[in-house]
Amino acid sequence: MKKVIFYMALPLLVGVVGCNKVENKIYFEGSSSPIISASTENVMLEAGDESKTAITFNWTNPEYRFTTGISSQDVSYTLEIDTLGGNFKSGAKFSTAISKDLFKTYTVGQLNAILGNTMLLQLEPRREYSLEARVISSINGAVQVVSSNKVIFKARPFPPPPKVAVPDAGTLWIIGNAAPSGWNMNGLNDAQKFTKVSNTLYQLTLNLPGGGNYKLVQTIGVWGTQYRYLAGTWDGGTFEKRDADPGFDGPPAAGTYKMTFDFQLGRYTVVKQ
């Protein structure tokens, strides 16, 4: 293993008139790869049990060794969870930083939210996932050591609360100068009304004029419960329920577009047909 040099400035008193600093080179000699384990191989995730413990990950201290002995400096860790076979490189990978501790416990609610709203796993209908976890240790942001093993566990997540509150009455309209009606609420009609595909998914295919902006309202005549753009581009991003600007950008060119708003994940897409 290549040695890493750490420098430590030590004061040296010289006579009675002053002092000089002497650099003492400290070499990294090696470490043991941390070993990770899990409290269960089959995680039970059920609505109503959100406060119960779902799983606890434990790992061993890598014991960083320097020429001065075992390091007394704080070691930090990164816990990674991915779908089995993703090799911690997939778009679903979840990472979290942990300071000093040699364990991490997740409740049912916490783990279920990670799987559904962070890792974006498909939860409807409910299906079982095989997942893998590992830990990476580091010291001073360097000298990273990956765990010598990974743990595999299974879980069947349920849909967590939607990231964005769903329309109260199950209705949703597009309004704005990026839509046929303009900003006139009285001009709204069924052509600009979304189809409720599920409790958290709404879709609309509509001919748009190109350019402009739009918002979504769930009740005709009411701006206070509107949905607006949060981050992204005209063809996809995130949104929120808030009576404020800005609106969504309309597509740059006129045409027929399919608009999909996923309240479970708080994401939207706009695709030209």
Protein backbone atom coordinates (compact mmCIF):
# COMPACT_ATOMS: atom_id res chain seq x y z
CA MET A 1 0.00 0.00 0.00
CA LYS A 2 1.32 3.42 -0.95
CA LYS A 3 2.26 5.45 2.10
CA VAL A 4 0.64 8.81 2.73
CA ILE A 5 2.58 11.52 4.51
CA PHE A 6 0.93 13.73 7.11
CA TYR A 7 2.76 16.82 8.33
CA MET A 8 2.61 18.01 11.91
CA ALA A 9 4.15 21.28 13.07
CA LEU A 10 5.83 20.94 16.48
CA PRO A 11 7.12 23.96 18.46
CA LEU A 12 10.78 23.84 19.49
CA LEU A 13 11.99 26.30 22.10
CA VAL A 14 15.34 27.83 21.23
CA GLY A 15 17.13 29.62 24.09
CA VAL A 16 15.12 32.42 25.65
CA VAL A 17 14.61 34.62 22.60
CA GLY A 18 12.17 32.75 20.42
CA CYS A 19 11.18 29.50 18.77
CA ASN A 20 11.24 27.82 15.37
CA LYS A 21 8.85 25.20 13.93
CA VAL A 22 10.13 21.78 12.94
CA GLU A 23 8.12 19.61 10.52
CA ASN A 24 7.66 16.09 11.79
CA LYS A 25 6.65 13.70 8.99
CA ILE A 26 4.00 11.16 9.95
CA TYR A 27 3.48 8.22 7.59
CA PHE A 28 0.31 6.25 7.06
CA GLU A 29 1.21 2.57 7.38
CA GLY A 30 -2.09 0.88 6.69
CA SER A 31 -5.46 -0.11 8.10
CA SER A 32 -7.93 -2.95 8.29
CA SER A 33 -10.92 -2.85 5.95
CA PRO A 34 -14.07 -2.35 8.01
CA ILE A 35 -16.45 -5.31 8.17
CA ILE A 36 -20.14 -4.47 7.91
CA SER A 37 -23.07 -6.51 9.21
CA ALA A 38 -26.84 -6.05 9.36
CA SER A 39 -29.32 -6.91 12.08
CA THR A 40 -31.61 -8.73 9.62
CA GLU A 41 -31.67 -10.12 6.09
CA ASN A 42 -35.42 -9.62 5.71
CA VAL A 43 -36.70 -6.17 6.59
CA MET A 44 -40.38 -5.83 7.46
CA LEU A 45 -41.90 -2.59 6.19
CA GLU A 46 -45.55 -2.04 6.99
CA ALA A 47 -47.68 1.10 7.15
CA GLY A 48 -48.48 1.94 10.76
CA ASP A 49 -45.10 0.68 12.00
CA GLU A 50 -43.12 3.76 10.93
CA SER A 51 -41.57 4.32 14.38
CA LYS A 52 -40.34 0.73 14.79
CA THR A 53 -36.74 -0.25 14.04
CA ALA A 54 -36.34 -1.69 10.55
CA ILE A 55 -32.61 -2.46 10.37
CA THR A 56 -29.32 -1.62 12.05
CA PHE A 57 -25.98 -1.65 10.25
CA ASN A 58 -22.80 -2.19 12.30
CA TRP A 59 -19.18 -2.07 11.16
CA THR A 60 -15.74 -2.50 12.67
CA ASN A 61 -13.17 0.22 13.24
CA PRO A 62 -10.59 0.24 10.41
CA GLU A 63 -7.85 1.22 12.93
CA TYR A 64 -5.78 3.57 10.83
CA ARG A 65 -2.12 3.01 11.66
CA PHE A 66 0.53 5.71 11.46
CA THR A 67 4.17 5.79 12.41
CA THR A 68 3.00 7.35 15.67
CA GLY A 69 0.63 4.46 16.35
CA ILE A 70 -3.13 3.91 15.98
CA SER A 71 -4.78 7.17 14.95
CA SER A 72 -6.67 9.06 17.62
CA GLN A 73 -8.23 11.32 15.02
CA ASP A 74 -11.93 11.05 14.23
CA VAL A 75 -12.79 8.62 11.46
CA SER A 76 -15.82 9.39 9.30
CA TYR A 77 -17.91 6.91 7.33
CA THR A 78 -20.17 6.80 4.29
CA LEU A 79 -22.92 4.19 4.23
CA GLU A 80 -24.10 3.24 0.74
CA ILE A 81 -27.22 1.30 -0.25
CA ASP A 82 -27.96 0.14 -3.78
CA THR A 83 -30.11 -2.41 -5.56
CA LEU A 84 -28.48 -5.82 -5.78
CA GLY A 85 -26.31 -5.94 -8.90
CA GLY A 86 -26.04 -2.16 -9.07
CA ASN A 87 -22.52 -2.39 -7.62
CA PHE A 88 -23.01 0.98 -5.93
CA LYS A 89 -22.92 2.73 -9.31
CA SER A 90 -26.61 2.76 -10.26
CA GLY A 91 -28.81 5.84 -10.39
CA ALA A 92 -30.75 4.44 -7.43
CA LYS A 93 -27.76 4.45 -5.06
CA PHE A 94 -28.26 6.11 -1.67
CA SER A 95 -25.36 7.54 0.38
CA THR A 96 -25.23 9.12 3.80
CA ALA A 97 -22.32 10.50 5.84
CA ILE A 98 -21.81 9.32 9.41
CA SER A 99 -19.39 10.89 11.88
CA LYS A 100 -17.49 8.66 14.31
CA ASP A 101 -20.26 6.13 14.99
CA LEU A 102 -19.81 2.47 14.09
CA PHE A 103 -23.51 1.88 13.44
CA LYS A 104 -26.59 3.31 11.75
CA THR A 105 -30.18 2.46 12.64
CA TYR A 106 -33.18 3.14 10.40
CA THR A 107 -36.80 3.07 11.47
CA VAL A 108 -39.47 1.63 9.18
CA GLY A 109 -40.52 5.13 8.16
CA GLN A 110 -36.97 6.30 7.46
CA LEU A 111 -35.93 3.27 5.39
CA ASN A 112 -39.22 3.17 3.52
CA ALA A 113 -38.83 6.85 2.55
CA ILE A 114 -35.26 6.21 1.36
CA LEU A 115 -36.34 3.32 -0.85
CA GLY A 116 -39.42 5.05 -2.24
CA ASN A 117 -38.70 8.77 -2.37
CA THR A 118 -34.89 8.90 -2.53
CA MET A 119 -33.86 5.77 -4.43
CA LEU A 120 -37.02 6.14 -6.56
CA LEU A 121 -37.87 2.44 -6.52
CA GLN A 122 -41.22 1.56 -8.06
CA LEU A 123 -43.65 0.79 -5.25
CA GLU A 124 -47.00 0.29 -6.99
CA PRO A 125 -47.80 -2.53 -6.97
CA ARG A 126 -45.66 -3.46 -3.97
CA ARG A 127 -42.73 -5.67 -4.89
CA GLU A 128 -39.78 -7.17 -3.06
CA TYR A 129 -36.32 -5.72 -3.67
CA SER A 130 -32.93 -7.25 -2.96
CA LEU A 131 -30.54 -4.57 -1.76
CA GLU A 132 -26.90 -4.37 -0.79
CA ALA A 133 -25.05 -2.09 1.62
CA ARG A 134 -21.41 -1.26 2.27
CA VAL A 135 -19.43 1.30 4.25
CA ILE A 136 -16.47 3.47 3.27
CA SER A 137 -14.22 4.95 5.95
CA SER A 138 -11.99 7.99 5.62
CA ILE A 139 -9.82 10.18 7.78
CA ASN A 140 -9.30 13.88 7.17
CA GLY A 141 -11.21 13.45 3.93
CA ALA A 142 -8.51 11.12 2.59
CA VAL A 143 -7.14 7.60 3.07
CA GLN A 144 -10.45 6.02 2.06
CA VAL A 145 -10.96 2.33 2.82
CA VAL A 146 -13.91 0.39 1.42
CA SER A 147 -15.50 -2.33 3.53
CA SER A 148 -14.15 -5.77 2.83
CA ASN A 149 -17.67 -7.12 2.37
CA LYS A 150 -21.22 -6.04 1.62
CA VAL A 151 -24.45 -7.11 3.27
CA ILE A 152 -27.53 -8.14 1.31
CA PHE A 153 -31.06 -7.69 2.59
CA LYS A 154 -34.59 -7.82 1.21
CA ALA A 155 -37.43 -5.37 1.69
CA ARG A 156 -40.92 -4.83 0.33
CA PRO A 157 -41.49 -1.05 0.63
CA PHE A 158 -44.90 0.57 0.67
CA PRO A 159 -45.73 3.99 -0.80
CA PRO A 160 -44.61 6.64 1.71
CA PRO A 161 -46.51 9.94 2.01
CA PRO A 162 -46.25 11.86 -1.29
CA LYS A 163 -43.53 14.50 -1.50
CA VAL A 164 -46.15 16.93 -2.79
CA ALA A 165 -49.68 17.09 -1.37
CA VAL A 166 -52.15 15.63 -3.88
CA PRO A 167 -55.12 17.65 -5.19
CA ASP A 168 -57.84 17.59 -2.53
CA ALA A 169 -60.72 16.96 -4.93
CA GLY A 170 -58.71 14.87 -7.38
CA THR A 171 -58.89 17.55 -10.08
CA LEU A 172 -56.07 19.45 -11.80
CA TRP A 173 -55.95 22.02 -14.63
CA ILE A 174 -53.16 23.75 -16.54
CA ILE A 175 -53.39 27.54 -16.83
CA GLY A 176 -51.10 30.21 -18.30
CA ASN A 177 -49.94 31.78 -21.57
CA ALA A 178 -48.18 28.49 -22.35
CA ALA A 179 -51.68 26.91 -22.51
CA PRO A 180 -54.59 27.55 -24.92
CA SER A 181 -56.70 29.50 -22.38
CA GLY A 182 -54.07 31.98 -21.24
CA TRP A 183 -54.21 33.13 -17.62
CA ASN A 184 -57.99 33.50 -17.60
CA MET A 185 -59.52 31.12 -15.05
CA ASN A 186 -62.89 31.40 -16.77
CA GLY A 187 -61.34 29.97 -19.91
CA LEU A 188 -60.53 26.63 -18.32
CA ASN A 189 -62.33 23.63 -19.79
CA ASP A 190 -62.06 19.85 -19.87
CA ALA A 191 -59.45 20.03 -22.65
CA GLN A 192 -57.01 21.46 -20.08
CA LYS A 193 -58.01 19.11 -17.28
CA PHE A 194 -55.58 16.35 -16.26
CA THR A 195 -56.56 12.71 -16.05
CA LYS A 196 -56.14 11.17 -12.62
CA VAL A 197 -54.22 7.97 -13.39
CA SER A 198 -53.78 7.09 -9.71
CA ASN A 199 -54.02 8.93 -6.42
CA THR A 200 -50.54 10.39 -6.97
CA LEU A 201 -50.19 10.44 -10.78
CA TYR A 202 -51.82 12.91 -13.20
CA GLN A 203 -51.39 13.12 -16.98
CA LEU A 204 -52.55 15.37 -19.80
CA THR A 205 -51.89 15.32 -23.54
CA LEU A 206 -52.49 18.77 -25.00
CA ASN A 207 -51.61 20.97 -27.96
CA LEU A 208 -49.45 23.82 -26.59
CA PRO A 209 -48.61 27.07 -28.44
CA GLY A 210 -44.91 27.10 -27.51
CA GLY A 211 -43.15 29.49 -25.15
CA GLY A 212 -44.75 31.22 -22.21
CA ASN A 213 -45.33 29.89 -18.72
CA TYR A 214 -47.99 27.93 -16.88
CA LYS A 215 -49.09 26.78 -13.44
CA LEU A 216 -51.43 24.09 -12.17
CA VAL A 217 -54.59 24.76 -10.20
CA GLN A 218 -56.70 22.16 -8.46
CA THR A 219 -59.83 24.30 -8.13
CA ILE A 220 -61.11 26.69 -10.80
CA GLY A 221 -61.03 30.24 -9.45
CA VAL A 222 -58.59 29.46 -6.61
CA TRP A 223 -54.91 30.44 -6.80
CA GLY A 224 -54.11 29.73 -3.15
CA THR A 225 -53.73 25.97 -3.64
CA GLN A 226 -51.80 26.06 -6.91
CA TYR A 227 -48.73 24.05 -7.91
CA ARG A 228 -45.63 25.72 -9.28
CA TYR A 229 -42.18 24.98 -10.70
CA LEU A 230 -39.38 24.23 -8.21
CA ALA A 231 -36.34 23.11 -10.22
CA GLY A 232 -35.48 21.68 -13.63
CA THR A 233 -36.20 22.59 -17.25
CA TRP A 234 -39.29 22.83 -19.45
CA ASP A 235 -39.25 19.08 -20.14
CA GLY A 236 -38.75 17.79 -16.61
CA GLY A 237 -37.92 18.59 -13.01
CA THR A 238 -39.53 19.03 -9.62
CA PHE A 239 -42.55 20.99 -8.41
CA GLU A 240 -44.28 22.02 -5.19
CA LYS A 241 -47.63 23.19 -3.85
CA ARG A 242 -47.22 26.93 -3.27
CA ASP A 243 -49.02 30.14 -4.20
CA ALA A 244 -45.97 31.91 -5.65
CA ASP A 245 -43.88 32.44 -8.77
CA PRO A 246 -42.26 31.15 -10.88
CA GLY A 247 -44.43 29.13 -13.19
CA PHE A 248 -43.31 26.23 -15.37
CA ASP A 249 -41.67 27.12 -18.69
CA GLY A 250 -43.70 26.05 -21.67
CA PRO A 251 -42.00 24.00 -24.40
CA PRO A 252 -40.06 26.20 -26.84
CA ALA A 253 -41.95 24.99 -29.93
CA ALA A 254 -45.65 24.55 -30.57
CA GLY A 255 -46.93 20.99 -30.70
CA THR A 256 -48.71 18.21 -28.86
CA TYR A 257 -47.14 17.25 -25.55
CA LYS A 258 -47.80 14.63 -22.89
CA MET A 259 -47.44 16.09 -19.40
CA THR A 260 -46.98 13.79 -16.42
CA PHE A 261 -47.00 15.02 -12.81
CA ASP A 262 -45.97 12.50 -10.14
CA PHE A 263 -46.97 13.78 -6.70
CA GLN A 264 -45.41 10.76 -4.98
CA LEU A 265 -41.94 11.81 -6.11
CA GLY A 266 -42.65 15.50 -6.70
CA ARG A 267 -41.44 15.19 -10.30
CA TYR A 268 -42.83 16.10 -13.73
CA THR A 269 -42.02 15.32 -17.38
CA VAL A 270 -43.19 16.94 -20.62
CA VAL A 271 -42.71 14.82 -23.76
CA LYS A 272 -43.47 15.85 -27.35
CA GLN A 273 -45.82 13.41 -29.06
